[in-house]
Amino acid sequence: MTLNEFRNLKTLFDGYKLIFCYNGYLSQDIIVSISSMIKEKLTAENTKMGVSQKVLYMFVEQAQNITRYSADQLSQTNDTNLSYGSIVIGTENEKFYIMCSNRIEKSKVPALHEKLTELSSMSQEDLKMLYKEKIRSESDQGSKGASIGFIEMARKSSEPFEFDFIHDDDTYDCFALKVII
């Protein structure tokens, strides 16, 4: 990349009103550090507390999904995984959006697509009932968390989330998710 290309990239970011953009390897330690910076930025801009909390929640949830499920992972000697993905926070139409992207195995796409399609079409009341049901039950098979992250994102978002699976190669697709607050 040339300096001119880098300047053009910055201009592109500014046009999308990004307040945060990251592309690279993530770990839990990095997520904690970035969360602190985002919290300070939102506080400095006098963002309403409820909105700030939702932005932070969405950032952490999406970043943790990258660390847990990205197909591109490096194992470290101290039991810390570094997982590759992208995440941005920006504003449009006076609302915040949080977007993430990482590669996943093609074999996992159908189940994730079905789950996200179902969640994005549910009412707030249905999401609340599903959340309560999931809290009382075992985690989904293959889940590395409590299986409530997407449910909570759907509950906290102001609009149904958007998602896509983009062909990458014969083994992987690129998963992208956008949540609006």
Protein backbone atom coordinates (compact mmCIF):
# COMPACT_ATOMS: atom_id res chain seq x y z
CA MET A 1 0.00 0.00 0.00
CA THR A 2 1.29 3.43 -0.89
CA LEU A 3 0.91 6.49 1.31
CA ASN A 4 -1.59 7.88 -1.17
CA GLU A 5 -3.64 4.66 -1.02
CA PHE A 6 -3.54 4.84 2.77
CA ARG A 7 -4.80 8.45 2.66
CA ASN A 8 -7.60 7.35 0.33
CA LEU A 9 -8.50 4.57 2.78
CA LYS A 10 -8.70 7.12 5.62
CA THR A 11 -10.93 9.33 3.47
CA LEU A 12 -13.18 6.34 2.81
CA PHE A 13 -13.37 5.59 6.56
CA ASP A 14 -14.22 9.22 7.31
CA GLY A 15 -17.02 9.08 4.76
CA TYR A 16 -18.59 6.15 6.59
CA LYS A 17 -18.37 8.07 9.90
CA LEU A 18 -16.37 5.31 11.55
CA ILE A 19 -15.40 5.86 15.16
CA PHE A 20 -13.49 2.58 15.32
CA CYS A 21 -12.11 0.18 12.74
CA TYR A 22 -9.97 -2.91 13.31
CA ASN A 23 -8.74 -5.59 10.96
CA GLY A 24 -6.35 -8.19 12.27
CA TYR A 25 -5.84 -10.70 15.04
CA LEU A 26 -7.93 -10.36 18.20
CA SER A 27 -7.56 -11.85 21.67
CA GLN A 28 -9.50 -11.36 24.91
CA ASP A 29 -6.81 -8.95 26.17
CA ILE A 30 -7.10 -6.84 23.02
CA ILE A 31 -10.91 -6.79 23.33
CA VAL A 32 -10.66 -5.50 26.93
CA SER A 33 -8.24 -2.73 25.92
CA ILE A 34 -10.29 -1.64 22.92
CA SER A 35 -13.51 -1.70 24.98
CA SER A 36 -11.96 0.74 27.43
CA MET A 37 -11.02 3.11 24.60
CA ILE A 38 -14.48 2.89 23.03
CA LYS A 39 -16.13 3.59 26.40
CA GLU A 40 -13.96 6.71 26.84
CA LYS A 41 -14.78 7.89 23.31
CA LEU A 42 -18.54 7.47 23.84
CA THR A 43 -18.33 9.22 27.23
CA ALA A 44 -16.39 12.12 25.72
CA GLU A 45 -19.10 12.52 23.08
CA ASN A 46 -21.84 12.52 25.77
CA THR A 47 -23.51 9.46 24.31
CA LYS A 48 -26.53 8.40 26.37
CA MET A 49 -25.62 5.74 28.93
CA GLY A 50 -28.09 3.14 27.59
CA VAL A 51 -26.83 3.60 24.04
CA SER A 52 -23.18 3.45 25.16
CA GLN A 53 -23.83 0.21 27.02
CA LYS A 54 -25.47 -1.34 23.96
CA VAL A 55 -22.63 -0.25 21.66
CA LEU A 56 -20.08 -1.75 24.05
CA TYR A 57 -22.11 -4.94 24.44
CA MET A 58 -22.40 -5.37 20.66
CA PHE A 59 -18.69 -4.70 20.18
CA VAL A 60 -17.65 -7.21 22.84
CA GLU A 61 -20.10 -9.87 21.64
CA GLN A 62 -19.03 -9.56 18.01
CA ALA A 63 -15.34 -9.45 18.89
CA GLN A 64 -15.71 -12.53 21.11
CA ASN A 65 -17.49 -14.33 18.28
CA ILE A 66 -14.44 -13.63 16.13
CA THR A 67 -12.08 -14.97 18.81
CA ARG A 68 -14.18 -18.10 19.29
CA TYR A 69 -15.30 -18.98 15.78
CA SER A 70 -12.97 -17.45 13.20
CA ALA A 71 -11.43 -20.08 10.95
CA ASP A 72 -8.17 -18.12 11.05
CA GLN A 73 -6.61 -18.76 14.45
CA LEU A 74 -3.10 -18.81 15.82
CA SER A 75 -2.49 -20.68 19.07
CA GLN A 76 -0.04 -19.08 21.45
CA THR A 77 2.12 -20.88 23.99
CA ASN A 78 0.29 -19.27 26.93
CA ASP A 79 -3.10 -20.77 25.94
CA THR A 80 -4.17 -17.50 24.30
CA ASN A 81 -5.68 -17.75 20.84
CA LEU A 82 -5.37 -15.00 18.30
CA SER A 83 -8.25 -15.01 15.82
CA TYR A 84 -8.41 -12.99 12.62
CA GLY A 85 -11.36 -10.79 11.73
CA SER A 86 -12.62 -7.28 11.18
CA ILE A 87 -14.86 -5.08 13.28
CA VAL A 88 -16.09 -1.51 12.89
CA ILE A 89 -18.26 0.93 14.82
CA GLY A 90 -19.77 3.86 13.01
CA THR A 91 -22.79 6.09 12.75
CA GLU A 92 -25.41 6.57 10.08
CA ASN A 93 -28.77 8.31 10.26
CA GLU A 94 -28.04 9.28 13.88
CA LYS A 95 -27.72 5.62 14.93
CA PHE A 96 -24.70 3.51 15.75
CA TYR A 97 -23.84 0.41 13.79
CA ILE A 98 -21.42 -2.34 14.71
CA MET A 99 -20.22 -4.71 12.00
CA CYS A 100 -17.93 -7.71 12.10
CA SER A 101 -16.55 -10.17 9.62
CA ASN A 102 -14.52 -13.35 9.79
CA ARG A 103 -14.08 -16.55 7.84
CA ILE A 104 -16.00 -19.66 8.87
CA GLU A 105 -16.13 -23.20 7.54
CA LYS A 106 -18.73 -23.66 4.80
CA SER A 107 -20.16 -26.64 6.69
CA LYS A 108 -21.27 -24.27 9.49
CA VAL A 109 -23.05 -21.80 7.20
CA PRO A 110 -26.48 -23.50 6.84
CA ALA A 111 -27.11 -23.80 10.60
CA LEU A 112 -25.89 -20.27 11.29
CA HIS A 113 -27.94 -18.87 8.41
CA GLU A 114 -31.06 -20.60 9.71
CA LYS A 115 -30.47 -19.38 13.28
CA LEU A 116 -29.86 -15.75 12.23
CA THR A 117 -32.82 -15.72 9.83
CA GLU A 118 -35.09 -16.96 12.60
CA LEU A 119 -33.77 -14.46 15.17
CA SER A 120 -33.96 -11.48 12.83
CA SER A 121 -37.64 -12.18 12.17
CA MET A 122 -38.71 -12.62 15.81
CA SER A 123 -40.60 -10.06 17.87
CA GLN A 124 -39.08 -8.58 21.04
CA GLU A 125 -41.46 -10.67 23.14
CA ASP A 126 -40.48 -13.88 21.31
CA LEU A 127 -36.79 -13.01 21.72
CA LYS A 128 -37.33 -12.45 25.45
CA MET A 129 -39.03 -15.84 25.81
CA LEU A 130 -36.28 -17.56 23.80
CA TYR A 131 -33.63 -15.89 25.96
CA LYS A 132 -35.26 -17.16 29.15
CA GLU A 133 -35.53 -20.65 27.65
CA LYS A 134 -31.83 -20.66 26.62
CA ILE A 135 -30.70 -19.47 30.06
CA ARG A 136 -32.35 -22.53 31.64
CA SER A 137 -31.03 -25.02 29.07
CA GLU A 138 -27.72 -26.52 28.03
CA SER A 139 -25.50 -24.68 25.53
CA ASP A 140 -25.94 -25.57 21.87
CA GLN A 141 -23.72 -28.38 20.59
CA GLY A 142 -20.47 -26.91 19.28
CA SER A 143 -21.06 -23.61 21.07
CA LYS A 144 -18.10 -22.07 22.90
CA GLY A 145 -20.36 -19.75 24.92
CA ALA A 146 -23.79 -19.70 26.49
CA SER A 147 -25.60 -19.71 23.11
CA ILE A 148 -27.34 -16.42 23.90
CA GLY A 149 -25.08 -13.89 22.16
CA PHE A 150 -27.07 -13.59 18.94
CA ILE A 151 -30.33 -13.57 20.91
CA GLU A 152 -29.10 -10.67 23.04
CA MET A 153 -27.85 -8.80 19.98
CA ALA A 154 -31.28 -9.18 18.39
CA ARG A 155 -32.95 -7.98 21.60
CA LYS A 156 -30.69 -4.93 22.02
CA SER A 157 -30.68 -3.81 18.39
CA SER A 158 -33.09 -1.16 17.16
CA GLU A 159 -33.60 -2.95 13.83
CA PRO A 160 -33.32 -6.56 12.65
CA PHE A 161 -29.65 -7.34 12.12
CA GLU A 162 -28.23 -7.84 8.66
CA PHE A 163 -25.91 -10.70 7.77
CA ASP A 164 -24.34 -12.34 4.77
CA PHE A 165 -22.08 -15.21 3.82
CA ILE A 166 -19.68 -14.37 1.01
CA HIS A 167 -17.91 -17.11 -0.95
CA ASP A 168 -14.20 -17.17 -0.10
CA ASP A 169 -12.91 -20.52 -1.36
CA ASP A 170 -13.94 -24.18 -1.46
CA THR A 171 -13.61 -24.57 2.32
CA TYR A 172 -14.53 -21.18 3.81
CA ASP A 173 -17.05 -18.38 3.49
CA CYS A 174 -16.72 -14.91 4.93
CA PHE A 175 -19.43 -14.24 7.52
CA ALA A 176 -20.49 -10.60 7.96
CA LEU A 177 -22.94 -9.19 10.53
CA LYS A 178 -24.32 -5.67 11.03
CA VAL A 179 -26.26 -4.57 14.10
CA ILE A 180 -27.88 -1.13 14.48
CA ILE A 181 -28.55 0.65 17.75
